[in-house]
Each structure stands twice: as structure tokens, then as C-alpha cells.
Amino acid sequence: MSTAPAATSWRQSSTSSTGSVAAKSSSLFDMFEDTPSTNTVATRWRRSSPSTSENHDTLLCEGYLHKDRGLFRKRRRWFRLTRKTLSFYETNGGTLISTIASSGIHRVESVGACQFDVVTKVPFGRSGQRVTLLVAPSTLVRDKWVQALDTRKGVHASHRATMHGELIAEGYLTKIKPDILSRSRSRWFVLTKQHLAYYEADGGAFLGSCCTSDVDRVERTGNCSILVAARAPFTRTGAAELLLKCESEQECEKWLACLQNTMSTTASGTAVVAGFAQWSDPSVT
């Protein structure tokens, strides 16, 4: 019988121990760091080097979209758009399938209620096509992606990123209710340098947020669960703690890394590392 991994936690330290906080953040990423080679089996998350500005990349938006190739050939994939690249993965935090430089995007246009085409200058994806038809879960989400992708209009950041600071990660997490009479709900979470906020859905109503500097503790409580504790209530129900459940262990590792690194670097006063370099199995095209 398998056992849950030991809990991984981070707690706000005093200003006199910022060195140890930074060390904890570094060691966390060492857990996920891998060296690219022909033997790489799966994509891993790794902190990008913050030593030079040329290596820094800014996340614009990410989320699940369906790739529509017709005749019941729809695939749910996790897309991630930065200033430099557009990439998609099997799942959130999973294996990289394909990536393209932002300069390789020729045009983006809405073609249906929730659909939009991404036309590239070079083949993109396993099929080697230059036109990728994507289906968003709503028109609001479609418009968010079209706006972020449409470099012809000079759009370089989503509305929420400009509201709350540079985007670190976003996606659906399930808020687990400790009371068995209450219903757990899936909410859209947005993590930036300054805030952890959550919404009714991607593109939906704002529900609550707290400053990253007010987060006291981030702790892994199970295979796919994370506890976030703040110094003051920040949810609609007046809670200061959130128990969040991810879809998979890979997604949990990604969120834990993003949360702990953001909170640790906020506490120590150093720059938050928002970018991630990723590698994939060379056999995956």
C-alpha cells in the first residue's frame, strides 16, 4: 500500500533569518531540477537563472484549451504563453509537447463562439500544421487568449497581471471545505509577485485575495493538496487558511514550487523568479 509523501512546508521567518528562507527556496527547486539529456523521460520544472535580464521571461497567461482537429479529434492541452514563447503540454505541470517563439506567430483570429485560430510561420505541434484551431471554455477566456496572442496590437500582458503585478502562475484549484456539510468548489487562482487571488472561474468574478507578504505558511498536506495560511482572513467566508487540491501530483509540485518561491523571496526582499525553463523527451514532437 502506497503512502503519502512527507509534508513539505514553508513558514514566514523573521528578517534576521532571510538567508535561511532563500536557502529553503533554492533547495525546493533543486528537488525538481534535472539535466537535459537524451535520457530525459518527462518534463521537469526548473527555476530560470535570474542572473541576467536576457534570460528572464514573463508569463502572460496559461490554462487548458482544446486542440480541435475535427472528426472527434479534440485534445485537452495545457497552454502557456510568455513574452518569448507559446508552448503546450499534456497537462498542467506535465510533459512539454511543442513550443514556438512568439516571433513565429503570424496571426490570431476568432472563428467561432469560443474558437480561435493561431496561424504560425513554421509548423507547430505533433501534426506539423501551421494553423492550430483552439477551443476555449468560454468567450471571455477566448478573448483573453486572443488579446494576449495578438502581438500586432502590442498587447503584452493580461488585465489581471497588470492589476496584481507580474504573473507567476494561474489555474483551477479546488477549495476543500473542512465541514462535510459544505461543498468544495473549483476556483481560478492567480499568483503574482504581490498577490494570491482567486475568482469564480477563468474570466469570472473576483472573490478574494491576500498580499504575498501576508502569507505565513505554505504546506503540502498530501499527494495533491496544499495548505495556504495567511495572517488575516481573506476569503469570502472570513477564513485565513485555504486547503487546495490539485488535479495531479505534477500540478501540485508546480503550484507548491511557485508559491514557496514567491513567498520566500517576498520575505527576503529579493527578486521573485517568475520564469521556468522546461525540457522534454526528445522523442516527443
C-alpha atoms as a PDB file:
ATOM      1  CA  MET A   1       0.000   0.000   0.000  1.00  0.00           C
ATOM      2  CA  SER A   2       1.447   3.362  -1.058  1.00  0.00           C
ATOM      3  CA  THR A   3       1.962   6.122   1.467  1.00  0.00           C
ATOM      4  CA  ALA A   4       1.654   9.864   1.047  1.00  0.00           C
ATOM      5  CA  PRO A   5       4.930  11.777   0.744  1.00  0.00           C
ATOM      6  CA  ALA A   6       6.249  13.648   3.733  1.00  0.00           C
ATOM      7  CA  ALA A   7       4.744  17.109   4.065  1.00  0.00           C
ATOM      8  CA  THR A   8       6.747  19.933   2.529  1.00  0.00           C
ATOM      9  CA  SER A   9       6.213  23.259   4.248  1.00  0.00           C
ATOM     10  CA  TRP A  10       7.357  26.862   4.268  1.00  0.00           C
ATOM     11  CA  ARG A  11       6.806  29.317   7.102  1.00  0.00           C
ATOM     12  CA  GLN A  12       7.463  33.047   7.225  1.00  0.00           C
ATOM     13  CA  SER A  13      10.775  33.703   9.026  1.00  0.00           C
ATOM     14  CA  SER A  14      11.946  36.814  10.815  1.00  0.00           C
ATOM     15  CA  THR A  15      14.039  39.375   8.942  1.00  0.00           C
ATOM     16  CA  SER A  16      17.136  38.118  10.714  1.00  0.00           C
ATOM     17  CA  SER A  17      16.871  34.751   9.024  1.00  0.00           C
ATOM     18  CA  THR A  18      16.280  35.728   5.423  1.00  0.00           C
ATOM     19  CA  GLY A  19      19.303  33.772   4.370  1.00  0.00           C
ATOM     20  CA  SER A  20      17.713  30.538   5.545  1.00  0.00           C
ATOM     21  CA  VAL A  21      14.482  31.445   3.750  1.00  0.00           C
ATOM     22  CA  ALA A  22      16.324  31.891   0.468  1.00  0.00           C
ATOM     23  CA  ALA A  23      18.145  28.629   1.051  1.00  0.00           C
ATOM     24  CA  LYS A  24      14.822  26.825   1.512  1.00  0.00           C
ATOM     25  CA  SER A  25      13.551  28.290  -1.759  1.00  0.00           C
ATOM     26  CA  SER A  26      16.684  27.174  -3.591  1.00  0.00           C
ATOM     27  CA  SER A  27      16.566  23.655  -2.175  1.00  0.00           C
ATOM     28  CA  LEU A  28      12.929  23.339  -3.196  1.00  0.00           C
ATOM     29  CA  PHE A  29      13.793  23.874  -6.824  1.00  0.00           C
ATOM     30  CA  ASP A  30      16.726  21.506  -6.535  1.00  0.00           C
ATOM     31  CA  MET A  31      14.121  18.804  -5.893  1.00  0.00           C
ATOM     32  CA  PHE A  32      12.681  19.361  -9.379  1.00  0.00           C
ATOM     33  CA  GLU A  33      15.857  20.259 -11.246  1.00  0.00           C
ATOM     34  CA  ASP A  34      17.072  17.912 -13.927  1.00  0.00           C
ATOM     35  CA  THR A  35      19.813  17.976 -16.517  1.00  0.00           C
ATOM     36  CA  PRO A  36      18.626  17.876 -20.150  1.00  0.00           C
ATOM     37  CA  SER A  37      19.792  14.746 -21.919  1.00  0.00           C
ATOM     38  CA  THR A  38      18.591  12.154 -24.401  1.00  0.00           C
ATOM     39  CA  ASN A  39      17.504  10.027 -21.440  1.00  0.00           C
ATOM     40  CA  THR A  40      15.007  12.589 -20.150  1.00  0.00           C
ATOM     41  CA  VAL A  41      11.714  10.787 -19.624  1.00  0.00           C
ATOM     42  CA  ALA A  42       9.416  13.659 -18.624  1.00  0.00           C
ATOM     43  CA  THR A  43       9.407  17.422 -18.464  1.00  0.00           C
ATOM     44  CA  ARG A  44      10.543  18.907 -15.161  1.00  0.00           C
ATOM     45  CA  TRP A  45      10.083  22.380 -13.742  1.00  0.00           C
ATOM     46  CA  ARG A  46      13.255  24.312 -13.051  1.00  0.00           C
ATOM     47  CA  ARG A  47      13.921  27.830 -11.883  1.00  0.00           C
ATOM     48  CA  SER A  48      15.274  30.107 -14.608  1.00  0.00           C
ATOM     49  CA  SER A  49      18.548  31.852 -13.909  1.00  0.00           C
ATOM     50  CA  PRO A  50      17.881  35.386 -12.613  1.00  0.00           C
ATOM     51  CA  SER A  51      21.479  36.469 -13.071  1.00  0.00           C
ATOM     52  CA  THR A  52      20.920  38.116 -16.454  1.00  0.00           C
ATOM     53  CA  SER A  53      17.928  40.030 -17.778  1.00  0.00           C
ATOM     54  CA  GLU A  54      18.161  38.307 -21.171  1.00  0.00           C
ATOM     55  CA  ASN A  55      17.188  35.004 -19.532  1.00  0.00           C
ATOM     56  CA  HIS A  56      14.147  36.485 -17.845  1.00  0.00           C
ATOM     57  CA  ASP A  57      10.763  35.776 -19.399  1.00  0.00           C
ATOM     58  CA  THR A  58       7.349  36.996 -18.335  1.00  0.00           C
ATOM     59  CA  LEU A  59       4.275  34.788 -18.145  1.00  0.00           C
ATOM     60  CA  LEU A  60       1.260  36.390 -19.863  1.00  0.00           C
ATOM     61  CA  CYS A  61      -1.375  33.687 -19.389  1.00  0.00           C
ATOM     62  CA  GLU A  62      -1.821  29.921 -19.122  1.00  0.00           C
ATOM     63  CA  GLY A  63      -4.647  27.417 -18.976  1.00  0.00           C
ATOM     64  CA  TYR A  64      -6.390  24.454 -20.575  1.00  0.00           C
ATOM     65  CA  LEU A  65      -7.567  24.748 -24.186  1.00  0.00           C
ATOM     66  CA  HIS A  66      -8.841  22.073 -26.562  1.00  0.00           C
ATOM     67  CA  LYS A  67      -6.946  21.479 -29.809  1.00  0.00           C
ATOM     68  CA  ASP A  68      -9.628  20.808 -32.432  1.00  0.00           C
ATOM     69  CA  ARG A  69      -8.514  18.724 -35.402  1.00  0.00           C
ATOM     70  CA  GLY A  70     -12.019  17.696 -36.464  1.00  0.00           C
ATOM     71  CA  LEU A  71     -13.846  14.340 -36.531  1.00  0.00           C
ATOM     72  CA  PHE A  72     -13.857  13.847 -32.752  1.00  0.00           C
ATOM     73  CA  ARG A  73     -10.147  14.618 -32.531  1.00  0.00           C
ATOM     74  CA  LYS A  74     -10.186  17.143 -29.718  1.00  0.00           C
ATOM     75  CA  ARG A  75      -7.378  17.054 -27.182  1.00  0.00           C
ATOM     76  CA  ARG A  76      -7.308  18.953 -23.881  1.00  0.00           C
ATOM     77  CA  ARG A  77      -3.870  20.544 -23.500  1.00  0.00           C
ATOM     78  CA  TRP A  78      -2.263  22.992 -21.102  1.00  0.00           C
ATOM     79  CA  PHE A  79      -1.121  26.126 -22.961  1.00  0.00           C
ATOM     80  CA  ARG A  80       1.411  28.593 -21.599  1.00  0.00           C
ATOM     81  CA  LEU A  81       2.132  31.964 -23.212  1.00  0.00           C
ATOM     82  CA  THR A  82       5.131  34.107 -22.279  1.00  0.00           C
ATOM     83  CA  ARG A  83       6.607  37.142 -23.949  1.00  0.00           C
ATOM     84  CA  LYS A  84       9.055  34.879 -25.772  1.00  0.00           C
ATOM     85  CA  THR A  85       7.193  31.616 -26.452  1.00  0.00           C
ATOM     86  CA  LEU A  86       3.885  29.798 -26.855  1.00  0.00           C
ATOM     87  CA  SER A  87       4.009  26.220 -25.560  1.00  0.00           C
ATOM     88  CA  PHE A  88       1.587  23.434 -24.803  1.00  0.00           C
ATOM     89  CA  TYR A  89       1.823  20.401 -22.539  1.00  0.00           C
ATOM     90  CA  GLU A  90      -0.033  17.169 -21.933  1.00  0.00           C
ATOM     91  CA  THR A  91      -1.248  18.515 -18.581  1.00  0.00           C
ATOM     92  CA  ASN A  92      -0.570  21.375 -16.189  1.00  0.00           C
ATOM     93  CA  GLY A  93       2.963  20.729 -14.932  1.00  0.00           C
ATOM     94  CA  GLY A  94       3.254  17.767 -17.317  1.00  0.00           C
ATOM     95  CA  THR A  95       5.317  16.867 -20.369  1.00  0.00           C
ATOM     96  CA  LEU A  96       6.098  19.523 -22.957  1.00  0.00           C
ATOM     97  CA  ILE A  97       4.700  18.665 -26.399  1.00  0.00           C
ATOM     98  CA  SER A  98       5.647  21.653 -28.546  1.00  0.00           C
ATOM     99  CA  THR A  99       6.849  25.234 -28.307  1.00  0.00           C
ATOM    100  CA  ILE A 100       7.265  28.119 -30.736  1.00  0.00           C
ATOM    101  CA  ALA A 101       8.882  31.537 -30.458  1.00  0.00           C
ATOM    102  CA  SER A 102       6.419  34.416 -30.261  1.00  0.00           C
ATOM    103  CA  SER A 103       8.034  35.843 -33.386  1.00  0.00           C
ATOM    104  CA  GLY A 104       6.836  32.708 -35.198  1.00  0.00           C
ATOM    105  CA  ILE A 105       3.161  33.581 -34.671  1.00  0.00           C
ATOM    106  CA  HIS A 106       1.797  35.073 -37.901  1.00  0.00           C
ATOM    107  CA  ARG A 107      -1.742  35.960 -36.852  1.00  0.00           C
ATOM    108  CA  VAL A 108      -4.527  35.126 -34.397  1.00  0.00           C
ATOM    109  CA  GLU A 109      -8.237  35.394 -35.152  1.00  0.00           C
ATOM    110  CA  SER A 110     -11.576  34.414 -33.597  1.00  0.00           C
ATOM    111  CA  VAL A 111     -13.519  31.960 -35.753  1.00  0.00           C
ATOM    112  CA  GLY A 112     -16.449  30.956 -33.531  1.00  0.00           C
ATOM    113  CA  ALA A 113     -18.191  31.468 -30.213  1.00  0.00           C
ATOM    114  CA  CYS A 114     -15.264  30.042 -28.238  1.00  0.00           C
ATOM    115  CA  GLN A 115     -12.845  29.162 -31.041  1.00  0.00           C
ATOM    116  CA  PHE A 116      -9.787  30.899 -32.420  1.00  0.00           C
ATOM    117  CA  ASP A 117      -7.055  30.106 -34.943  1.00  0.00           C
ATOM    118  CA  VAL A 118      -3.350  30.501 -34.272  1.00  0.00           C
ATOM    119  CA  VAL A 119      -1.514  30.744 -37.605  1.00  0.00           C
ATOM    120  CA  THR A 120       2.235  30.222 -37.355  1.00  0.00           C
ATOM    121  CA  LYS A 121       5.102  30.811 -39.763  1.00  0.00           C
ATOM    122  CA  VAL A 122       6.557  27.360 -39.049  1.00  0.00           C
ATOM    123  CA  PRO A 123       4.939  24.007 -38.137  1.00  0.00           C
ATOM    124  CA  PHE A 124       3.631  23.882 -34.563  1.00  0.00           C
ATOM    125  CA  GLY A 125       2.724  20.679 -32.721  1.00  0.00           C
ATOM    126  CA  ARG A 126       2.971  16.964 -33.457  1.00  0.00           C
ATOM    127  CA  SER A 127       0.859  17.223 -36.605  1.00  0.00           C
ATOM    128  CA  GLY A 128       3.250  19.717 -38.205  1.00  0.00           C
ATOM    129  CA  GLN A 129       0.420  22.076 -39.159  1.00  0.00           C
ATOM    130  CA  ARG A 130       0.691  25.847 -39.377  1.00  0.00           C
ATOM    131  CA  VAL A 131      -2.924  26.507 -38.400  1.00  0.00           C
ATOM    132  CA  THR A 132      -3.988  25.430 -34.901  1.00  0.00           C
ATOM    133  CA  LEU A 133      -7.694  25.625 -34.058  1.00  0.00           C
ATOM    134  CA  LEU A 134      -8.193  26.105 -30.327  1.00  0.00           C
ATOM    135  CA  VAL A 135     -11.398  25.965 -28.287  1.00  0.00           C
ATOM    136  CA  ALA A 136     -11.681  27.925 -25.029  1.00  0.00           C
ATOM    137  CA  PRO A 137     -14.180  27.085 -22.254  1.00  0.00           C
ATOM    138  CA  SER A 138     -15.920  30.464 -22.697  1.00  0.00           C
ATOM    139  CA  THR A 139     -15.909  33.572 -24.866  1.00  0.00           C
ATOM    140  CA  LEU A 140     -14.249  35.508 -22.047  1.00  0.00           C
ATOM    141  CA  VAL A 141     -11.355  33.052 -21.945  1.00  0.00           C
ATOM    142  CA  ARG A 142     -11.129  33.084 -25.757  1.00  0.00           C
ATOM    143  CA  ASP A 143     -10.921  36.886 -25.773  1.00  0.00           C
ATOM    144  CA  LYS A 144      -8.211  36.796 -23.089  1.00  0.00           C
ATOM    145  CA  TRP A 145      -6.062  34.476 -25.200  1.00  0.00           C
ATOM    146  CA  VAL A 146      -6.671  36.330 -28.475  1.00  0.00           C
ATOM    147  CA  GLN A 147      -5.752  39.623 -26.837  1.00  0.00           C
ATOM    148  CA  ALA A 148      -2.581  38.230 -25.284  1.00  0.00           C
ATOM    149  CA  LEU A 149      -1.536  36.468 -28.502  1.00  0.00           C
ATOM    150  CA  ASP A 150      -2.257  39.351 -30.846  1.00  0.00           C
ATOM    151  CA  THR A 151       1.193  40.936 -30.878  1.00  0.00           C
ATOM    152  CA  ARG A 152       0.133  43.113 -33.804  1.00  0.00           C
ATOM    153  CA  LYS A 153      -1.741  45.294 -31.294  1.00  0.00           C
ATOM    154  CA  GLY A 154       1.207  45.420 -28.919  1.00  0.00           C
ATOM    155  CA  VAL A 155      -0.659  43.605 -26.163  1.00  0.00           C
ATOM    156  CA  HIS A 156       1.921  42.191 -23.764  1.00  0.00           C
ATOM    157  CA  ALA A 157       0.066  41.468 -20.532  1.00  0.00           C
ATOM    158  CA  SER A 158      -3.308  40.311 -19.322  1.00  0.00           C
ATOM    159  CA  HIS A 159      -5.579  42.632 -17.331  1.00  0.00           C
ATOM    160  CA  ARG A 160      -5.119  40.648 -14.141  1.00  0.00           C
ATOM    161  CA  ALA A 161      -1.338  40.690 -14.422  1.00  0.00           C
ATOM    162  CA  THR A 162      -1.354  44.472 -14.627  1.00  0.00           C
ATOM    163  CA  MET A 163      -3.830  44.639 -11.713  1.00  0.00           C
ATOM    164  CA  HIS A 164      -1.857  42.483  -9.307  1.00  0.00           C
ATOM    165  CA  GLY A 165       1.708  42.539 -10.629  1.00  0.00           C
ATOM    166  CA  GLU A 166       3.805  40.175 -12.704  1.00  0.00           C
ATOM    167  CA  LEU A 167       2.087  36.843 -13.252  1.00  0.00           C
ATOM    168  CA  ILE A 168       3.737  33.755 -11.719  1.00  0.00           C
ATOM    169  CA  ALA A 169       1.084  31.052 -12.216  1.00  0.00           C
ATOM    170  CA  GLU A 170      -2.649  30.626 -12.727  1.00  0.00           C
ATOM    171  CA  GLY A 171      -5.124  27.774 -12.979  1.00  0.00           C
ATOM    172  CA  TYR A 172      -8.024  25.933 -11.370  1.00  0.00           C
ATOM    173  CA  LEU A 173      -7.646  24.593  -7.838  1.00  0.00           C
ATOM    174  CA  THR A 174     -10.352  23.028  -5.684  1.00  0.00           C
ATOM    175  CA  LYS A 175     -11.078  24.760  -2.374  1.00  0.00           C
ATOM    176  CA  ILE A 176     -11.605  21.907   0.077  1.00  0.00           C
ATOM    177  CA  LYS A 177     -14.157  22.597   2.797  1.00  0.00           C
ATOM    178  CA  PRO A 178     -13.345  21.037   6.207  1.00  0.00           C
ATOM    179  CA  ASP A 179     -17.062  20.940   7.015  1.00  0.00           C
ATOM    180  CA  ILE A 180     -18.652  17.831   5.467  1.00  0.00           C
ATOM    181  CA  LEU A 181     -21.884  19.779   5.017  1.00  0.00           C
ATOM    182  CA  SER A 182     -20.148  22.364   2.812  1.00  0.00           C
ATOM    183  CA  ARG A 183     -19.383  21.770  -0.833  1.00  0.00           C
ATOM    184  CA  SER A 184     -15.846  22.006  -2.174  1.00  0.00           C
ATOM    185  CA  ARG A 185     -15.590  24.292  -5.195  1.00  0.00           C
ATOM    186  CA  SER A 186     -13.231  24.653  -8.117  1.00  0.00           C
ATOM    187  CA  ARG A 187     -11.881  28.218  -8.356  1.00  0.00           C
ATOM    188  CA  TRP A 188      -9.481  30.031 -10.685  1.00  0.00           C
ATOM    189  CA  PHE A 189      -6.357  31.080  -8.776  1.00  0.00           C
ATOM    190  CA  VAL A 190      -3.911  33.751  -9.918  1.00  0.00           C
ATOM    191  CA  LEU A 191      -0.485  34.092  -8.282  1.00  0.00           C
ATOM    192  CA  THR A 192       1.550  37.241  -8.937  1.00  0.00           C
ATOM    193  CA  LYS A 193       4.525  38.830  -7.214  1.00  0.00           C
ATOM    194  CA  GLN A 194       2.235  40.858  -4.967  1.00  0.00           C
ATOM    195  CA  HIS A 195      -0.986  38.860  -4.571  1.00  0.00           C
ATOM    196  CA  LEU A 196      -2.618  35.454  -4.414  1.00  0.00           C
ATOM    197  CA  ALA A 197      -6.140  35.979  -5.753  1.00  0.00           C
ATOM    198  CA  TYR A 198      -8.994  33.705  -6.708  1.00  0.00           C
ATOM    199  CA  TYR A 199     -12.014  34.038  -8.971  1.00  0.00           C
ATOM    200  CA  GLU A 200     -15.268  32.215  -9.583  1.00  0.00           C
ATOM    201  CA  ALA A 201     -13.854  30.960 -12.899  1.00  0.00           C
ATOM    202  CA  ASP A 202     -11.274  31.913 -15.517  1.00  0.00           C
ATOM    203  CA  GLY A 203     -12.596  35.296 -16.605  1.00  0.00           C
ATOM    204  CA  GLY A 204     -15.179  35.204 -13.799  1.00  0.00           C
ATOM    205  CA  ALA A 205     -15.997  37.322 -10.761  1.00  0.00           C
ATOM    206  CA  PHE A 206     -13.294  38.250  -8.258  1.00  0.00           C
ATOM    207  CA  LEU A 207     -13.773  36.508  -4.892  1.00  0.00           C
ATOM    208  CA  GLY A 208     -10.791  37.321  -2.700  1.00  0.00           C
ATOM    209  CA  SER A 209      -7.045  37.925  -2.405  1.00  0.00           C
ATOM    210  CA  CYS A 210      -4.203  38.438   0.020  1.00  0.00           C
ATOM    211  CA  CYS A 211      -0.779  40.032  -0.298  1.00  0.00           C
ATOM    212  CA  THR A 212       2.018  37.521  -0.701  1.00  0.00           C
ATOM    213  CA  SER A 213       3.819  39.289   2.152  1.00  0.00           C
ATOM    214  CA  ASP A 214       0.884  38.384   4.432  1.00  0.00           C
ATOM    215  CA  VAL A 215       1.138  34.633   3.754  1.00  0.00           C
ATOM    216  CA  ASP A 216       2.568  32.971   6.851  1.00  0.00           C
ATOM    217  CA  ARG A 217       2.746  29.341   5.782  1.00  0.00           C
ATOM    218  CA  VAL A 218       2.605  27.139   2.660  1.00  0.00           C
ATOM    219  CA  GLU A 219       2.497  23.414   3.337  1.00  0.00           C
ATOM    220  CA  ARG A 220       1.980  20.274   1.309  1.00  0.00           C
ATOM    221  CA  THR A 221      -0.574  18.132   3.142  1.00  0.00           C
ATOM    222  CA  GLY A 222      -0.904  15.170   0.774  1.00  0.00           C
ATOM    223  CA  ASN A 223      -0.188  13.873  -2.712  1.00  0.00           C
ATOM    224  CA  CYS A 224      -2.213  16.637  -4.370  1.00  0.00           C
ATOM    225  CA  SER A 225      -3.084  19.053  -1.540  1.00  0.00           C
ATOM    226  CA  ILE A 226      -1.589  22.359  -0.384  1.00  0.00           C
ATOM    227  CA  LEU A 227      -2.401  24.418   2.707  1.00  0.00           C
ATOM    228  CA  VAL A 228      -2.005  28.210   2.443  1.00  0.00           C
ATOM    229  CA  ALA A 229      -2.249  30.142   5.721  1.00  0.00           C
ATOM    230  CA  ALA A 230      -2.308  33.944   5.962  1.00  0.00           C
ATOM    231  CA  ARG A 231      -2.054  36.291   8.937  1.00  0.00           C
ATOM    232  CA  ALA A 232      -5.574  37.660   8.353  1.00  0.00           C
ATOM    233  CA  PRO A 233      -8.819  36.406   6.782  1.00  0.00           C
ATOM    234  CA  PHE A 234      -9.010  36.880   3.011  1.00  0.00           C
ATOM    235  CA  THR A 235     -11.803  34.596   1.776  1.00  0.00           C
ATOM    236  CA  ARG A 236     -15.494  35.408   1.383  1.00  0.00           C
ATOM    237  CA  THR A 237     -16.275  33.250   4.413  1.00  0.00           C
ATOM    238  CA  GLY A 238     -13.680  35.011   6.569  1.00  0.00           C
ATOM    239  CA  ALA A 239     -11.116  32.215   6.592  1.00  0.00           C
ATOM    240  CA  ALA A 240      -7.375  32.827   6.891  1.00  0.00           C
ATOM    241  CA  GLU A 241      -6.468  29.338   5.626  1.00  0.00           C
ATOM    242  CA  LEU A 242      -7.133  27.597   2.332  1.00  0.00           C
ATOM    243  CA  LEU A 243      -6.818  23.871   1.695  1.00  0.00           C
ATOM    244  CA  LEU A 244      -6.321  23.498  -2.052  1.00  0.00           C
ATOM    245  CA  LYS A 245      -6.447  20.305  -4.092  1.00  0.00           C
ATOM    246  CA  CYS A 246      -4.737  19.909  -7.475  1.00  0.00           C
ATOM    247  CA  GLU A 247      -5.694  17.586 -10.333  1.00  0.00           C
ATOM    248  CA  SER A 248      -2.400  15.709 -10.229  1.00  0.00           C
ATOM    249  CA  GLU A 249       0.823  15.393  -8.269  1.00  0.00           C
ATOM    250  CA  GLN A 250       2.711  17.143 -11.089  1.00  0.00           C
ATOM    251  CA  GLU A 251       0.389  20.124 -10.861  1.00  0.00           C
ATOM    252  CA  CYS A 252       0.756  20.105  -7.082  1.00  0.00           C
ATOM    253  CA  GLU A 253       4.550  20.199  -7.368  1.00  0.00           C
ATOM    254  CA  LYS A 254       4.332  23.135  -9.759  1.00  0.00           C
ATOM    255  CA  TRP A 255       1.995  25.166  -7.529  1.00  0.00           C
ATOM    256  CA  LEU A 256       3.994  24.348  -4.411  1.00  0.00           C
ATOM    257  CA  ALA A 257       7.208  25.468  -6.090  1.00  0.00           C
ATOM    258  CA  CYS A 258       5.646  28.697  -7.362  1.00  0.00           C
ATOM    259  CA  LEU A 259       4.007  29.515  -4.015  1.00  0.00           C
ATOM    260  CA  GLN A 260       7.014  28.723  -1.840  1.00  0.00           C
ATOM    261  CA  ASN A 261       9.471  30.541  -4.081  1.00  0.00           C
ATOM    262  CA  THR A 262       7.239  33.611  -4.297  1.00  0.00           C
ATOM    263  CA  MET A 263       6.587  33.769  -0.555  1.00  0.00           C
ATOM    264  CA  SER A 264      10.225  33.121   0.347  1.00  0.00           C
ATOM    265  CA  THR A 265      11.631  35.751  -2.000  1.00  0.00           C
ATOM    266  CA  THR A 266       8.985  38.240  -0.877  1.00  0.00           C
ATOM    267  CA  ALA A 267      10.038  37.678   2.727  1.00  0.00           C
ATOM    268  CA  SER A 268      13.737  38.032   1.967  1.00  0.00           C
ATOM    269  CA  GLY A 269      13.296  41.088  -0.230  1.00  0.00           C
ATOM    270  CA  THR A 270      14.938  39.516  -3.269  1.00  0.00           C
ATOM    271  CA  ALA A 271      13.538  39.425  -6.788  1.00  0.00           C
ATOM    272  CA  VAL A 272      10.791  36.892  -7.457  1.00  0.00           C
ATOM    273  CA  VAL A 273      11.709  34.402 -10.155  1.00  0.00           C
ATOM    274  CA  ALA A 274       8.691  34.107 -12.452  1.00  0.00           C
ATOM    275  CA  GLY A 275      10.181  32.206 -15.371  1.00  0.00           C
ATOM    276  CA  PHE A 276      10.727  28.484 -15.713  1.00  0.00           C
ATOM    277  CA  ALA A 277      12.908  26.631 -18.194  1.00  0.00           C
ATOM    278  CA  GLN A 278      11.487  23.297 -19.269  1.00  0.00           C
ATOM    279  CA  TRP A 279      12.804  20.277 -21.084  1.00  0.00           C
ATOM    280  CA  SER A 280      11.041  17.428 -22.800  1.00  0.00           C
ATOM    281  CA  ASP A 281      11.813  13.959 -24.047  1.00  0.00           C
ATOM    282  CA  PRO A 282      13.477  14.437 -27.484  1.00  0.00           C
ATOM    283  CA  SER A 283      11.197  11.698 -28.835  1.00  0.00           C
ATOM    284  CA  VAL A 284       8.128  13.870 -28.167  1.00  0.00           C
ATOM    285  CA  THR A 285       7.463  16.117 -31.156  1.00  0.00           C
END
